[in-house]
Amino acid sequence: PARAPQDGRPDGHWHVDSVDAVIGQEVPGPPVPGGAWETGCALVRQYEFADPSIIRAAYRGDAELEGRDMLLEGRFFGLRFYLGVRVTRLIDETRDADGAPERVWGWSYQTLQGHLEEGRLNYEVIKNLATGRVTFRVSGYSRRAPIANPIVRWGFLVFGRWTQRRFYLAIQRRLRNLVQAAEHGAPLPAPTAGADGVVLAPSGATPHPLERLARAWLHPGR
């Protein structure tokens, strides 16, 4: 729910989204070991579904998933925006959906102060136990956060919603492609942790050149 106004600022308009994409097919019944549902869950756990051309994540590899703080690096036409989020909920349940049981696993994060948006996103891998269909659902609510920089504020007003929708489509396409590749024998990608224990996700993501220079200065010889 929207929180009460603070400092006289009205709540503003919330975008409420729920977008599904089919990522695989199994036989009806419980999830198949090593099948599309389990593969999807493994990839979602590690933020491997992210499209590195749009967003990347840094987090402590030894941190539990629930309660994990993540620093997201949003990428937009050569610009970089650093956005903090915290994982606030794990989802691991079997639920009824219009009379058909579904096996669901996933997690939610909420934005932290300094993010360009306020809100929460849920990532769920869902198997319909009656049909065997496996889907990836992105849902949640969001609105523009207070942005002091007028240029960034104007840019978000123009491009924010378009970028958000582009993000939804990109992560669903990437997860579907990774699950289908795994079904054909491709190894599952996995992000790796650096010497400082910080994981960059998805796999293949590299630090910004200025970040590499900063690390070299702070930790010479590493």
Foldseek 3Di string as FASTA:
>chain_A
DQDCDDPPDHSDDKDWDKDKDFQDFDAAADDDVLALLVLLQVCQLQVQLFDLQAKKWKWFPPDDQAQTKIWMWGDDPHDTATWIKTWHDWDADWDADPNWIKTKTWTKIFTDPRHQKGWMKIWIWIAGNVGRTIMIMITIMIDGDDDPDPVVVVVCVVCVVVSVVVRVVSSRVSSSVQNVVVVVPDDRFPWDADPVRMTMDDHPDDDDPVVVVVCCVVPPPD
